[in-house]
Each structure stands twice: as C-alpha cells, then as structure tokens.
Amino acid sequence: MINTIIFDAEGVVIDTEPMWDKSQKEFIGRRGLTYDRKKIKHLISGKSLVDGIKIMQKEYGFRGNPKKLAKERKIIIKKLFKSQLKFVVGFKDFHQKIKKRYKTCIATSMDKELLRIVDKRLKLLQLFNNQVFSIGEIRSVSKPNPDIFLYAANKLNSKPEDCLVIEDSPNGIEAAKRAGMRCIALTTTYSKDKLIKADLIVDSYSQIDLNKF
C-alpha cells in the first residue's frame, strides 16, 4: 500500500528545465557547437553536473577537465536560477492535498549549491519538513542508479514497495523502477514516448488519481 510519495525536484516540483536548455545552449555554443536537445537532453537529465559533462564530451567530442567544465556549467545556470525560478504548475495544490495522507520528500540529482539557491527562493525545506535529499549525500551517484530513492525511503522509514515516485525523465523513471517503486511520469520535460516505463503518464498534476495505486 502506497504511504510515501517521493518527488524529483526539477521538472516535477520546480520549473527549471527551460533554464537548463538555455544554459546547455550557451555552454555548448561557447565551443562552437550547436545544442541538440533531442540528442542530448534525455541522456543528461537526472545526472550530476560532472556526469552530464562526461556525457556531452562523449556525444560532442570536446575536451577538458569534467570538474572544471562542470563549474562553468554551474555559473551559467546559477544566473538563471537567481532570476527565473518558479514552481511547476499544479504542484503546490497537489502537495497541499496529499501531505496529510502521505509521507513526502524530494529526492534529486541537483547540485547542493543550486539546491540552496532554490530553497532560498521557494522554501523547499520548509515545504517538505526538511525532507529534501540530494545525490551529494550518497557520493553523487546519479540516476538511473536507484540509490537516491532508496536513501530517501530509508530516511522516511518507508519500504520501497510502499513508495510512489513522481518523475519527469527517463533516467529518473529507470531509477524508480530499479528501486522497486512505482512511478508516475509528468510530461513537463519529455513527450510520452520517452516515458513509457512509468506506471502512469500524465500531462499535469490535475490528472493524477492516487486511488489507482
């Protein structure tokens, strides 16, 4: 029986994906290359900044120290975060309805420094009773590894089979399934054909019927 709902952060709670597209375009453009969203987006979603760089290097063929390049990526996205952050449409109403019936938390691949910027603007820690977990707490192991979801479940004293994950990316869905959890996918970032491994695919929070679980 589902008693715990685990939210990914980006594209699920906070509407950051358009900002990431802008930052990726700028980062790739600095190297005389063109950002191909269809080619790269689904590969790097749910990954740490460093892992994302490694994937882009493999796909585009540019060189450099991944850690140094990740810092460059972070500088670009920080500027956007500080001015354009907002919640995904429908999230706050949905969370308000469920928070008394279910244990809730955030489990994200977001860099801790970026997460602090988000919290300062949107008060995520207050909203989730301090239950906000990032891969920085588990040696930066990125999705689709299930570690962050299993860590979050353990922190909430929940069994994996009693957890429902809300995600927006293929890597996140794969991580949830590997963790032995059920998963709802929002089409906030990807089309339905990229999210087919989820138990339920919806276009908005208003379409989520938890009675099905």
Protein backbone atom coordinates (compact mmCIF):
# COMPACT_ATOMS: atom_id res chain seq x y z
CA MET A 1 0.00 0.00 0.00
CA ILE A 2 1.43 3.36 -1.01
CA ASN A 3 2.18 5.55 2.01
CA THR A 4 5.09 7.60 0.70
CA ILE A 5 5.39 9.91 -2.30
CA ILE A 6 8.87 10.86 -3.47
CA PHE A 7 9.16 13.87 -5.76
CA ASP A 8 12.02 14.54 -8.13
CA ALA A 9 12.80 18.26 -7.98
CA GLU A 10 13.47 19.64 -11.44
CA GLY A 11 10.59 19.44 -13.87
CA VAL A 12 8.40 17.99 -11.11
CA VAL A 13 8.43 20.49 -8.25
CA ILE A 14 10.37 23.38 -9.75
CA ASP A 15 10.15 24.51 -13.35
CA THR A 16 13.85 24.59 -14.20
CA GLU A 17 14.02 22.65 -17.47
CA PRO A 18 13.68 25.70 -19.79
CA MET A 19 16.58 27.26 -17.87
CA TRP A 20 18.72 24.17 -18.30
CA ASP A 21 18.03 24.23 -22.04
CA LYS A 22 19.19 27.85 -22.18
CA SER A 23 22.32 27.05 -20.18
CA GLN A 24 23.13 23.99 -22.28
CA LYS A 25 22.76 26.05 -25.44
CA GLU A 26 25.17 28.66 -24.09
CA PHE A 27 27.67 26.13 -22.76
CA ILE A 28 27.77 24.11 -25.99
CA GLY A 29 27.77 27.30 -28.09
CA ARG A 30 30.94 28.53 -26.39
CA ARG A 31 32.64 25.55 -28.02
CA GLY A 32 31.41 26.37 -31.49
CA LEU A 33 28.82 23.62 -31.34
CA THR A 34 25.03 23.53 -31.56
CA TYR A 35 22.92 22.20 -28.68
CA ASP A 36 20.75 19.37 -29.98
CA ARG A 37 18.01 18.94 -27.37
CA LYS A 38 16.60 15.73 -28.88
CA LYS A 39 20.04 14.16 -28.97
CA ILE A 40 21.32 15.07 -25.54
CA LYS A 41 18.55 16.12 -23.13
CA HIS A 42 17.27 12.66 -22.15
CA LEU A 43 20.84 11.43 -21.63
CA ILE A 44 21.86 14.08 -19.10
CA SER A 45 18.60 14.56 -17.16
CA GLY A 46 18.93 13.16 -13.65
CA LYS A 47 22.71 13.23 -13.86
CA SER A 48 25.15 15.20 -11.72
CA LEU A 49 26.85 18.22 -13.28
CA VAL A 50 30.07 16.25 -13.75
CA ASP A 51 28.36 13.17 -15.19
CA GLY A 52 26.43 15.43 -17.55
CA ILE A 53 29.70 16.92 -18.81
CA LYS A 54 31.15 13.47 -19.43
CA ILE A 55 28.12 12.52 -21.50
CA MET A 56 28.30 15.74 -23.51
CA GLN A 57 32.01 15.20 -24.13
CA LYS A 58 31.26 11.72 -25.45
CA GLU A 59 28.45 12.96 -27.70
CA TYR A 60 30.10 16.17 -28.95
CA GLY A 61 33.79 15.30 -28.77
CA PHE A 62 35.12 18.35 -26.90
CA ARG A 63 37.90 18.05 -24.33
CA GLY A 64 38.60 19.40 -20.89
CA ASN A 65 38.57 18.51 -17.22
CA PRO A 66 34.98 17.44 -16.37
CA LYS A 67 35.11 19.03 -12.92
CA LYS A 68 36.30 22.38 -14.28
CA LEU A 69 33.72 22.29 -17.05
CA ALA A 70 31.01 21.43 -14.50
CA LYS A 71 31.90 24.61 -12.62
CA GLU A 72 31.44 26.59 -15.83
CA ARG A 73 28.04 24.94 -16.33
CA LYS A 74 27.07 25.83 -12.77
CA ILE A 75 27.98 29.51 -13.19
CA ILE A 76 25.73 29.74 -16.25
CA ILE A 77 22.73 28.07 -14.62
CA LYS A 78 23.11 29.96 -11.32
CA LYS A 79 22.47 33.26 -13.07
CA LEU A 80 19.21 31.90 -14.47
CA PHE A 81 18.15 30.30 -11.19
CA LYS A 82 18.55 33.54 -9.29
CA SER A 83 16.06 35.34 -11.50
CA GLN A 84 13.62 32.85 -13.02
CA LEU A 85 12.73 30.12 -10.51
CA LYS A 86 9.10 29.07 -10.05
CA PHE A 87 7.04 26.01 -9.13
CA VAL A 88 5.70 23.60 -11.73
CA VAL A 89 2.05 24.45 -12.40
CA GLY A 90 -0.25 22.43 -10.14
CA PHE A 91 2.41 21.14 -7.78
CA LYS A 92 1.57 23.27 -4.73
CA ASP A 93 -2.14 22.45 -4.85
CA PHE A 94 -1.38 18.74 -5.29
CA HIS A 95 1.09 18.69 -2.41
CA GLN A 96 -1.32 20.55 -0.17
CA LYS A 97 -3.96 17.87 -0.80
CA ILE A 98 -1.74 14.86 -0.12
CA LYS A 99 0.66 15.93 2.62
CA LYS A 100 -1.61 14.82 5.48
CA ARG A 101 -2.24 11.37 3.96
CA TYR A 102 1.26 10.52 2.76
CA LYS A 103 4.85 10.94 3.83
CA THR A 104 6.53 13.17 1.23
CA CYS A 105 10.04 14.19 0.31
CA ILE A 106 12.24 15.36 -2.55
CA ALA A 107 15.00 13.13 -3.97
CA THR A 108 17.06 14.96 -6.55
CA SER A 109 20.28 14.90 -8.54
CA MET A 110 20.56 18.65 -8.19
CA ASP A 111 23.86 20.09 -7.04
CA LYS A 112 23.73 21.18 -3.39
CA GLU A 113 24.74 24.77 -4.12
CA LEU A 114 21.96 25.08 -6.69
CA LEU A 115 19.56 23.45 -4.24
CA ARG A 116 20.38 26.14 -1.67
CA ILE A 117 19.50 28.82 -4.23
CA VAL A 118 16.18 27.10 -4.90
CA ASP A 119 15.44 26.77 -1.19
CA LYS A 120 16.21 30.44 -0.57
CA ARG A 121 13.69 31.48 -3.22
CA LEU A 122 10.99 28.81 -2.87
CA LYS A 123 11.40 27.49 0.74
CA LEU A 124 11.58 23.80 -0.23
CA LEU A 125 12.92 22.66 3.16
CA GLN A 126 10.01 24.33 4.92
CA LEU A 127 7.51 22.89 2.44
CA PHE A 128 8.85 19.34 2.87
CA ASN A 129 9.62 19.42 6.59
CA ASN A 130 13.36 19.30 5.88
CA GLN A 131 12.94 16.07 3.91
CA VAL A 132 14.94 17.17 0.84
CA PHE A 133 17.65 14.73 -0.25
CA SER A 134 20.26 15.12 -2.98
CA ILE A 135 22.79 12.77 -4.53
CA GLY A 136 25.51 14.77 -2.77
CA GLU A 137 24.53 12.78 0.32
CA ILE A 138 25.23 9.46 -1.42
CA ARG A 139 28.62 10.15 -3.06
CA SER A 140 26.93 11.85 -6.06
CA VAL A 141 25.63 8.58 -7.52
CA SER A 142 23.37 9.72 -10.38
CA LYS A 143 20.14 8.29 -11.70
CA PRO A 144 19.34 5.79 -13.24
CA ASN A 145 21.06 4.21 -10.24
CA PRO A 146 18.32 3.75 -7.62
CA ASP A 147 20.48 4.88 -4.69
CA ILE A 148 18.88 8.31 -4.11
CA PHE A 149 15.36 6.86 -3.99
CA LEU A 150 16.39 4.02 -1.68
CA TYR A 151 18.18 6.54 0.53
CA ALA A 152 15.07 8.74 0.68
CA ALA A 153 12.84 5.77 1.53
CA ASN A 154 15.20 4.74 4.32
CA LYS A 155 15.22 8.28 5.73
CA LEU A 156 11.41 8.23 5.85
CA ASN A 157 11.32 4.68 7.29
CA SER A 158 9.37 3.51 4.25
CA LYS A 159 9.64 0.25 2.33
CA PRO A 160 10.43 0.65 -1.39
CA GLU A 161 7.25 -1.20 -2.37
CA ASP A 162 5.23 1.38 -0.41
CA CYS A 163 6.76 4.32 -2.30
CA LEU A 164 5.46 6.15 -5.36
CA VAL A 165 7.90 8.35 -7.28
CA ILE A 166 6.86 11.34 -9.40
CA GLU A 167 9.40 11.92 -12.16
CA ASP A 168 9.80 13.67 -15.49
CA SER A 169 12.81 11.96 -17.06
CA PRO A 170 13.70 8.53 -18.47
CA ASN A 171 16.70 8.23 -16.12
CA GLY A 172 14.52 9.07 -13.13
CA ILE A 173 11.86 6.55 -14.09
CA GLU A 174 14.50 3.87 -14.55
CA ALA A 175 15.93 4.68 -11.11
CA ALA A 176 12.50 4.38 -9.50
CA LYS A 177 11.84 1.02 -11.14
CA ARG A 178 15.26 -0.29 -10.12
CA ALA A 179 14.45 0.76 -6.56
CA GLY A 180 11.32 -1.40 -6.65
CA MET A 181 8.99 1.61 -6.54
CA ARG A 182 6.05 2.61 -8.68
CA CYS A 183 6.31 5.74 -10.76
CA ILE A 184 4.15 8.47 -12.26
CA ALA A 185 5.70 10.46 -15.10
CA LEU A 186 4.84 14.07 -15.87
CA THR A 187 5.23 15.27 -19.47
CA THR A 188 6.68 18.58 -18.31
CA THR A 189 10.02 17.85 -19.96
CA TYR A 190 9.62 14.90 -22.36
CA SER A 191 6.94 13.51 -24.65
CA LYS A 192 5.09 10.35 -23.65
CA ASP A 193 7.14 8.09 -25.92
CA LYS A 194 10.22 8.80 -23.75
CA LEU A 195 8.35 7.95 -20.51
CA ILE A 196 6.80 4.58 -21.36
CA LYS A 197 8.44 2.71 -18.47
CA ALA A 198 6.36 4.65 -15.94
CA ASP A 199 3.26 3.07 -14.38
CA LEU A 200 1.22 6.14 -15.30
CA ILE A 201 1.93 9.07 -17.61
CA VAL A 202 0.10 12.38 -17.11
CA ASP A 203 0.28 15.84 -18.62
CA SER A 204 -0.45 17.66 -15.37
CA TYR A 205 -0.97 17.17 -11.64
CA SER A 206 -4.72 17.50 -12.11
CA GLN A 207 -4.70 14.16 -13.96
CA ILE A 208 -3.13 12.19 -11.12
CA ASP A 209 -5.53 9.75 -9.44
CA LEU A 210 -3.76 8.18 -6.46
CA ASN A 211 -6.65 5.75 -5.95
CA LYS A 212 -5.19 3.79 -8.87
CA PHE A 213 -2.25 2.93 -6.62
